C-alpha atoms as a PDB file:
ATOM      1  CA  GLN A   1      11.421 -39.577  45.034  1.00  0.00           C
ATOM      2  CA  VAL A   2       9.920 -43.234  46.204  1.00  0.00           C
ATOM      3  CA  GLN A   3       6.400 -43.339  47.939  1.00  0.00           C
ATOM      4  CA  LEU A   4       6.122 -46.022  50.003  1.00  0.00           C
ATOM      5  CA  VAL A   5       2.411 -47.615  51.103  1.00  0.00           C
ATOM      6  CA  GLU A   6       2.887 -50.630  54.035  1.00  0.00           C
ATOM      7  CA  SER A   7      -0.438 -52.910  53.861  1.00  0.00           C
ATOM      8  CA  GLY A   8      -1.633 -56.019  55.851  1.00  0.00           C
ATOM      9  CA  GLY A   9      -1.140 -55.048  59.588  1.00  0.00           C
ATOM     10  CA  GLY A  10      -3.250 -56.044  62.018  1.00  0.00           C
ATOM     11  CA  LEU A  11      -4.297 -58.346  65.118  1.00  0.00           C
ATOM     12  CA  VAL A  12      -3.337 -62.153  65.369  1.00  0.00           C
ATOM     13  CA  GLN A  13      -2.673 -64.696  67.970  1.00  0.00           C
ATOM     14  CA  ALA A  14       0.320 -65.953  69.013  1.00  0.00           C
ATOM     15  CA  GLY A  15       1.397 -68.969  66.319  1.00  0.00           C
ATOM     16  CA  GLY A  16      -0.116 -67.187  63.510  1.00  0.00           C
ATOM     17  CA  SER A  17       0.779 -65.704  60.178  1.00  0.00           C
ATOM     18  CA  LEU A  18       0.728 -62.513  58.911  1.00  0.00           C
ATOM     19  CA  GLY A  19       1.950 -60.848  55.377  1.00  0.00           C
ATOM     20  CA  LEU A  20       2.828 -57.623  54.628  1.00  0.00           C
ATOM     21  CA  SER A  21       3.193 -55.309  51.611  1.00  0.00           C
ATOM     22  CA  CYS A  22       4.812 -52.513  50.511  1.00  0.00           C
ATOM     23  CA  THR A  23       3.884 -51.204  47.152  1.00  0.00           C
ATOM     24  CA  THR A  24       6.248 -48.367  45.721  1.00  0.00           C
ATOM     25  CA  SER A  25       6.098 -45.928  43.229  1.00  0.00           C
ATOM     26  CA  GLY A  26       8.007 -43.089  41.567  1.00  0.00           C
ATOM     27  CA  ARG A  27      11.701 -44.220  41.254  1.00  0.00           C
ATOM     28  CA  LEU A  28      12.956 -46.878  39.063  1.00  0.00           C
ATOM     29  CA  PHE A  29      11.803 -49.877  41.538  1.00  0.00           C
ATOM     30  CA  ARG A  30      14.873 -52.131  40.307  1.00  0.00           C
ATOM     31  CA  ASN A  31      16.997 -49.573  41.569  1.00  0.00           C
ATOM     32  CA  LEU A  32      15.888 -50.060  45.287  1.00  0.00           C
ATOM     33  CA  LEU A  33      17.374 -52.333  47.477  1.00  0.00           C
ATOM     34  CA  MET A  34      14.494 -52.908  50.241  1.00  0.00           C
ATOM     35  CA  ASN A  35      14.235 -53.464  54.159  1.00  0.00           C
ATOM     36  CA  TRP A  36      11.992 -54.024  56.583  1.00  0.00           C
ATOM     37  CA  TYR A  37      12.543 -52.538  59.816  1.00  0.00           C
ATOM     38  CA  ARG A  38      10.497 -52.443  63.050  1.00  0.00           C
ATOM     39  CA  GLN A  39       9.741 -50.316  66.477  1.00  0.00           C
ATOM     40  CA  GLY A  40       8.378 -52.173  69.084  1.00  0.00           C
ATOM     41  CA  PRO A  41       6.411 -50.375  72.382  1.00  0.00           C
ATOM     42  CA  GLY A  42       9.439 -48.265  74.267  1.00  0.00           C
ATOM     43  CA  LYS A  43      12.280 -49.950  71.622  1.00  0.00           C
ATOM     44  CA  GLN A  44      14.260 -48.887  69.012  1.00  0.00           C
ATOM     45  CA  ARG A  45      13.658 -49.398  65.759  1.00  0.00           C
ATOM     46  CA  GLU A  46      15.488 -52.657  64.288  1.00  0.00           C
ATOM     47  CA  LEU A  47      16.236 -53.878  60.968  1.00  0.00           C
ATOM     48  CA  VAL A  48      14.273 -57.023  60.067  1.00  0.00           C
ATOM     49  CA  ALA A  49      15.321 -58.439  56.994  1.00  0.00           C
ATOM     50  CA  THR A  50      16.767 -57.170  53.184  1.00  0.00           C
ATOM     51  CA  ILE A  51      16.231 -57.810  50.149  1.00  0.00           C
ATOM     52  CA  THR A  52      18.703 -57.080  47.254  1.00  0.00           C
ATOM     53  CA  ARG A  53      18.235 -55.924  43.834  1.00  0.00           C
ATOM     54  CA  GLY A  54      19.151 -59.309  42.620  1.00  0.00           C
ATOM     55  CA  GLY A  55      16.881 -60.957  45.298  1.00  0.00           C
ATOM     56  CA  SER A  56      19.642 -61.868  48.134  1.00  0.00           C
ATOM     57  CA  THR A  57      17.960 -61.861  51.415  1.00  0.00           C
ATOM     58  CA  ARG A  58      19.250 -61.346  54.796  1.00  0.00           C
ATOM     59  CA  TYR A  59      17.128 -61.535  58.535  1.00  0.00           C
ATOM     60  CA  ALA A  60      17.782 -60.484  61.986  1.00  0.00           C
ATOM     61  CA  ASP A  61      18.548 -63.345  64.025  1.00  0.00           C
ATOM     62  CA  PHE A  62      14.661 -63.375  65.642  1.00  0.00           C
ATOM     63  CA  ALA A  63      13.657 -63.227  62.139  1.00  0.00           C
ATOM     64  CA  LYS A  64      15.433 -66.119  60.841  1.00  0.00           C
ATOM     65  CA  GLY A  65      13.413 -69.337  59.840  1.00  0.00           C
ATOM     66  CA  ARG A  66      10.335 -67.268  60.657  1.00  0.00           C
ATOM     67  CA  PHE A  67       9.730 -64.499  58.296  1.00  0.00           C
ATOM     68  CA  THR A  68      10.433 -64.296  54.436  1.00  0.00           C
ATOM     69  CA  ILE A  69      11.060 -61.432  52.184  1.00  0.00           C
ATOM     70  CA  SER A  70      10.393 -61.291  48.953  1.00  0.00           C
ATOM     71  CA  ARG A  71      10.056 -58.868  46.054  1.00  0.00           C
ATOM     72  CA  ASP A  72       8.119 -58.510  42.879  1.00  0.00           C
ATOM     73  CA  ASN A  73       9.964 -56.225  40.312  1.00  0.00           C
ATOM     74  CA  ALA A  74       6.847 -56.342  38.143  1.00  0.00           C
ATOM     75  CA  ASN A  75       4.575 -54.908  40.576  1.00  0.00           C
ATOM     76  CA  LYS A  76       7.190 -52.704  42.503  1.00  0.00           C
ATOM     77  CA  THR A  77       6.025 -54.478  45.632  1.00  0.00           C
ATOM     78  CA  VAL A  78       8.107 -56.166  48.244  1.00  0.00           C
ATOM     79  CA  TYR A  79       6.368 -58.426  51.009  1.00  0.00           C
ATOM     80  CA  LEU A  80       7.620 -59.621  54.084  1.00  0.00           C
ATOM     81  CA  GLN A  81       5.498 -63.040  55.071  1.00  0.00           C
ATOM     82  CA  MET A  82       5.612 -63.585  59.098  1.00  0.00           C
ATOM     83  CA  ASN A  83       4.713 -67.157  60.453  1.00  0.00           C
ATOM     84  CA  SER A  84       4.728 -68.432  63.750  1.00  0.00           C
ATOM     85  CA  LEU A  85       4.541 -65.043  65.007  1.00  0.00           C
ATOM     86  CA  LYS A  86       5.152 -64.276  68.933  1.00  0.00           C
ATOM     87  CA  PRO A  87       3.916 -61.523  71.139  1.00  0.00           C
ATOM     88  CA  GLU A  88       7.474 -60.079  70.923  1.00  0.00           C
ATOM     89  CA  ASP A  89       7.120 -59.350  67.334  1.00  0.00           C
ATOM     90  CA  THR A  90       4.189 -56.537  68.217  1.00  0.00           C
ATOM     91  CA  ALA A  91       5.808 -53.531  66.690  1.00  0.00           C
ATOM     92  CA  VAL A  92       5.202 -51.072  63.714  1.00  0.00           C
ATOM     93  CA  TYR A  93       6.735 -52.427  60.345  1.00  0.00           C
ATOM     94  CA  TYR A  94       8.090 -50.123  58.586  1.00  0.00           C
ATOM     95  CA  CYS A  95       9.675 -50.274  54.456  1.00  0.00           C
ATOM     96  CA  ASN A  96      12.570 -48.689  53.325  1.00  0.00           C
ATOM     97  CA  ALA A  97      13.986 -48.381  50.620  1.00  0.00           C
ATOM     98  CA  ARG A  98      17.414 -47.121  49.735  1.00  0.00           C
ATOM     99  CA  ASP A  99      18.756 -46.346  46.044  1.00  0.00           C
ATOM    100  CA  VAL A 100      21.684 -48.096  45.122  1.00  0.00           C
ATOM    101  CA  PHE A 101      23.042 -45.207  42.944  1.00  0.00           C
ATOM    102  CA  SER A 102      22.091 -41.880  44.965  1.00  0.00           C
ATOM    103  CA  SER A 103      22.135 -43.531  48.125  1.00  0.00           C
ATOM    104  CA  ASP A 104      18.744 -41.764  48.900  1.00  0.00           C
ATOM    105  CA  GLU A 105      16.561 -43.092  51.288  1.00  0.00           C
ATOM    106  CA  TYR A 106      12.937 -43.444  52.055  1.00  0.00           C
ATOM    107  CA  TRP A 107      10.392 -44.680  54.599  1.00  0.00           C
ATOM    108  CA  GLY A 108       6.840 -45.878  54.622  1.00  0.00           C
ATOM    109  CA  LEU A 109       4.292 -44.797  57.747  1.00  0.00           C
ATOM    110  CA  GLY A 110       4.363 -47.979  58.746  1.00  0.00           C
ATOM    111  CA  THR A 111       1.675 -50.795  59.968  1.00  0.00           C
ATOM    112  CA  GLN A 112       0.997 -52.133  63.177  1.00  0.00           C
ATOM    113  CA  VAL A 113       1.168 -55.501  63.874  1.00  0.00           C
ATOM    114  CA  THR A 114      -0.355 -56.610  67.653  1.00  0.00           C
ATOM    115  CA  VAL A 115       0.402 -60.362  68.597  1.00  0.00           C
ATOM    116  CA  SER A 116      -1.897 -61.306  71.160  1.00  0.00           C
ATOM    117  CA  SER A 117      -0.675 -64.238  73.752  1.00  0.00           C
END
């Protein structure tokens, strides 16, 4: 089992920045591929960014150049730094973990990000 706890959400003006954290516990963090997803009002959940066990990253087009995903294996934490935020970035942001060996998948409860215009 893996427990995920997100933090760092809040209210920010357009153009501002927020940093999210996802702290994990349980299974070996180094076995986990980590993702950030988001779900905006009335929208489907969508993938924001991925970081592999080796630190390779991938981003959704809307996140490229503005968001940065990173991981700290020693502290079992993954981060999402979001800059130049837009009102359309308003969403609940979820941390997701996938064990690359068992394919088990885990979700956090999410953290609300609201960007005012």
